[in-house]
Amino acid sequence: PTEPVVMRALDLVCMIAEESVWSANAGQTPFDDDSHPDIDFQTAETAMLFAWTLRTLGQSLNAISPRIASRMLNEVRRRVFAPFLAHVDYPFMRGRGVRPLAILSDILLSAILLEADGARRSAVLKQALRLLDQAIAARGEQIQSLADAAADIGAITDLCLLLRKITRGEMDLTPVYPTPDWLDELLFP
């Protein structure tokens, strides 16, 4: 990447890191509760943005300063990983709310791409996989809009493809997900 691209990405990372709230902030509060910040689809997508940015531009950002990567990881830990491991009351953890499968997929992939501490990464992965399994099993119990259903199905499809790639085919869920009834749900709402 060119220097202007890297510098623009760095500017955006800095602006996002300084945001007081990453969630859609339905309560319109100026700041998150530090011990229990909101985690919603927007928060999970922001964590993914940081993860993919570091994955694609990490060397260029580290050439500027090694503190950039650590700041990005610390923000995701503080706003996503730590509360995800500490609390069990987020709606997406019960397969409820808006786009629970997409949120869980984003958290899982963010941990794979971003988390440097093996024990913390393992804890996030175990919990995310367990909750994904439960949310998939309970999927028919909640009515979603077409856009939300498409986002969840797309997230699971992407997750399965990326897990197959990451594990070099050892974990291949692509023949299983998405299921034919999920696709029927999109085609024939």
Protein backbone atom coordinates (compact mmCIF):
# COMPACT_ATOMS: atom_id res chain seq x y z
CA PRO A 1 0.00 0.00 0.00
CA THR A 2 1.08 3.55 -0.68
CA GLU A 3 2.02 5.93 2.10
CA PRO A 4 -1.14 8.09 1.62
CA VAL A 5 -3.32 4.96 1.93
CA VAL A 6 -1.56 3.88 5.12
CA MET A 7 -1.74 7.37 6.61
CA ARG A 8 -5.46 7.67 5.80
CA ALA A 9 -6.06 4.26 7.36
CA LEU A 10 -4.12 5.36 10.44
CA ASP A 11 -6.21 8.54 10.70
CA LEU A 12 -9.40 6.48 10.53
CA VAL A 13 -8.12 3.97 13.10
CA CYS A 14 -7.29 6.84 15.46
CA MET A 15 -10.74 8.40 15.02
CA ILE A 16 -12.50 5.08 15.64
CA ALA A 17 -10.34 4.32 18.69
CA GLU A 18 -11.29 7.68 20.17
CA GLU A 19 -15.03 7.17 19.69
CA SER A 20 -16.78 7.10 23.07
CA VAL A 21 -19.23 4.42 21.88
CA TRP A 22 -18.89 1.80 19.14
CA SER A 23 -22.47 0.54 19.29
CA ALA A 24 -25.50 1.96 17.52
CA ASN A 25 -26.21 3.43 20.97
CA ALA A 26 -29.97 3.09 21.14
CA GLY A 27 -29.93 4.67 24.61
CA GLN A 28 -28.15 7.77 23.27
CA THR A 29 -25.67 7.71 26.15
CA PRO A 30 -22.51 9.76 25.62
CA PHE A 31 -20.24 6.99 26.97
CA ASP A 32 -20.37 3.21 27.32
CA ASP A 33 -20.46 1.60 30.73
CA ASP A 34 -16.79 0.61 31.02
CA SER A 35 -17.63 -2.63 32.83
CA HIS A 36 -20.51 -3.57 30.50
CA PRO A 37 -20.32 -1.76 27.15
CA ASP A 38 -22.96 -2.33 24.50
CA ILE A 39 -22.03 -5.03 22.00
CA ASP A 40 -24.24 -5.00 18.93
CA PHE A 41 -23.76 -5.56 15.22
CA GLN A 42 -22.04 -2.19 14.76
CA THR A 43 -19.61 -2.93 17.61
CA ALA A 44 -18.79 -6.36 16.20
CA GLU A 45 -18.30 -4.94 12.71
CA THR A 46 -15.93 -2.30 14.13
CA ALA A 47 -13.89 -5.03 15.82
CA MET A 48 -13.76 -6.85 12.47
CA LEU A 49 -12.68 -3.64 10.75
CA PHE A 50 -9.77 -3.34 13.17
CA ALA A 51 -8.89 -7.02 12.71
CA TRP A 52 -8.90 -6.88 8.90
CA THR A 53 -7.06 -3.53 8.89
CA LEU A 54 -4.31 -4.96 11.06
CA ARG A 55 -4.21 -8.12 8.96
CA THR A 56 -3.82 -6.20 5.69
CA LEU A 57 -1.83 -3.14 6.80
CA GLY A 58 -0.12 -4.43 9.94
CA GLN A 59 3.45 -4.26 8.64
CA SER A 60 2.96 -0.76 7.28
CA LEU A 61 1.32 0.43 10.52
CA ASN A 62 4.05 -1.20 12.64
CA ALA A 63 6.68 0.60 10.57
CA ILE A 64 5.13 3.86 11.76
CA SER A 65 4.81 2.70 15.37
CA PRO A 66 4.35 -0.67 17.10
CA ARG A 67 1.92 1.06 19.46
CA ILE A 68 -0.73 1.26 16.72
CA ALA A 69 -1.36 -2.49 16.69
CA SER A 70 -1.38 -2.69 20.48
CA ARG A 71 -3.85 0.20 20.70
CA MET A 72 -6.15 -1.47 18.18
CA LEU A 73 -6.00 -4.76 20.08
CA ASN A 74 -6.55 -3.03 23.45
CA GLU A 75 -9.63 -1.22 22.12
CA VAL A 76 -11.14 -4.47 20.85
CA ARG A 77 -10.28 -6.24 24.11
CA ARG A 78 -11.85 -3.46 26.17
CA ARG A 79 -14.98 -3.01 24.07
CA VAL A 80 -15.61 -6.57 22.86
CA PHE A 81 -13.51 -9.48 24.13
CA ALA A 82 -13.45 -8.67 27.88
CA PRO A 83 -17.19 -7.94 28.19
CA PHE A 84 -18.01 -10.91 25.93
CA LEU A 85 -16.16 -13.20 28.35
CA ALA A 86 -17.39 -11.48 31.51
CA HIS A 87 -21.14 -11.29 30.82
CA VAL A 88 -23.87 -13.64 29.68
CA ASP A 89 -26.74 -11.18 29.26
CA TYR A 90 -26.20 -9.76 25.78
CA PRO A 91 -29.20 -10.66 23.58
CA PHE A 92 -27.02 -12.07 20.78
CA MET A 93 -25.64 -14.58 23.30
CA ARG A 94 -29.10 -16.16 23.42
CA GLY A 95 -29.60 -16.00 19.65
CA ARG A 96 -31.84 -12.96 20.08
CA GLY A 97 -31.74 -9.37 18.92
CA VAL A 98 -30.51 -8.07 15.61
CA ARG A 99 -28.11 -10.32 13.65
CA PRO A 100 -26.89 -12.60 16.44
CA LEU A 101 -25.08 -14.98 14.08
CA ALA A 102 -23.30 -12.10 12.38
CA ILE A 103 -22.22 -10.64 15.73
CA LEU A 104 -20.89 -13.98 16.98
CA SER A 105 -19.14 -14.64 13.65
CA ASP A 106 -17.49 -11.22 13.77
CA ILE A 107 -16.31 -11.76 17.35
CA LEU A 108 -14.91 -15.18 16.51
CA LEU A 109 -13.06 -13.99 13.41
CA SER A 110 -11.80 -10.87 15.21
CA ALA A 111 -10.28 -13.09 17.88
CA ILE A 112 -8.63 -15.29 15.25
CA LEU A 113 -7.18 -12.36 13.34
CA LEU A 114 -6.38 -9.95 16.16
CA GLU A 115 -5.96 -11.56 19.58
CA ALA A 116 -2.29 -12.20 20.33
CA ASP A 117 -2.73 -13.87 23.74
CA GLY A 118 -3.34 -17.59 23.19
CA ALA A 119 -5.36 -18.15 26.37
CA ARG A 120 -7.65 -15.17 25.73
CA ARG A 121 -8.07 -16.11 22.06
CA SER A 122 -8.95 -19.67 23.06
CA ALA A 123 -11.52 -18.46 25.62
CA VAL A 124 -13.19 -16.17 23.08
CA LEU A 125 -13.21 -18.89 20.41
CA LYS A 126 -14.67 -21.52 22.72
CA GLN A 127 -17.44 -19.25 23.91
CA ALA A 128 -18.20 -17.91 20.42
CA LEU A 129 -18.36 -21.41 18.92
CA ARG A 130 -20.60 -22.66 21.74
CA LEU A 131 -22.94 -19.69 21.39
CA LEU A 132 -22.98 -19.98 17.59
CA ASP A 133 -24.00 -23.60 17.94
CA GLN A 134 -26.82 -22.65 20.32
CA ALA A 135 -27.96 -19.72 18.17
CA ILE A 136 -28.05 -21.87 15.05
CA ALA A 137 -30.09 -24.52 16.88
CA ALA A 138 -32.59 -21.85 18.04
CA ARG A 139 -32.62 -20.00 14.73
CA GLY A 140 -36.22 -20.80 13.78
CA GLU A 141 -37.59 -19.35 17.03
CA GLN A 142 -37.06 -15.72 16.01
CA ILE A 143 -38.53 -13.82 13.09
CA GLN A 144 -35.99 -11.61 11.34
CA SER A 145 -36.28 -9.05 8.61
CA LEU A 146 -35.01 -10.17 5.22
CA ALA A 147 -31.96 -7.90 5.55
CA ASP A 148 -31.08 -9.30 8.98
CA ALA A 149 -31.61 -12.90 7.84
CA ALA A 150 -29.40 -12.26 4.80
CA ALA A 151 -26.70 -10.71 7.01
CA ASP A 152 -26.76 -13.71 9.37
CA ILE A 153 -26.69 -16.22 6.53
CA GLY A 154 -23.91 -14.31 4.80
CA ALA A 155 -21.91 -14.15 8.02
CA ILE A 156 -22.18 -17.90 8.62
CA THR A 157 -21.30 -18.63 4.99
CA ASP A 158 -18.24 -16.36 5.19
CA LEU A 159 -17.27 -17.84 8.56
CA CYS A 160 -17.42 -21.39 7.20
CA LEU A 161 -15.32 -20.46 4.18
CA LEU A 162 -12.73 -18.64 6.29
CA LEU A 163 -12.54 -21.45 8.86
CA ARG A 164 -11.97 -23.94 6.04
CA LYS A 165 -9.17 -21.73 4.68
CA ILE A 166 -7.58 -21.06 8.10
CA THR A 167 -7.60 -24.75 9.06
CA ARG A 168 -6.44 -25.87 5.59
CA GLY A 169 -9.60 -27.90 5.13
CA GLU A 170 -9.51 -29.62 8.54
CA MET A 171 -12.67 -27.79 9.62
CA ASP A 172 -14.99 -27.71 6.64
CA LEU A 173 -18.55 -26.76 7.47
CA THR A 174 -19.34 -25.51 3.96
CA PRO A 175 -21.33 -28.65 3.04
CA VAL A 176 -23.49 -28.09 6.15
CA TYR A 177 -24.05 -24.31 6.27
CA PRO A 178 -26.01 -22.55 5.09
CA THR A 179 -28.75 -25.15 5.10
CA PRO A 180 -31.21 -25.36 2.20
CA ASP A 181 -34.06 -24.05 4.38
CA TRP A 182 -32.03 -20.93 5.16
CA LEU A 183 -31.64 -20.24 1.48
CA ASP A 184 -35.35 -20.91 0.91
CA GLU A 185 -36.05 -18.34 3.61
CA LEU A 186 -34.18 -15.72 1.58
CA LEU A 187 -35.61 -16.68 -1.79
CA PHE A 188 -39.21 -17.20 -0.67
CA PRO A 189 -39.86 -14.91 2.32
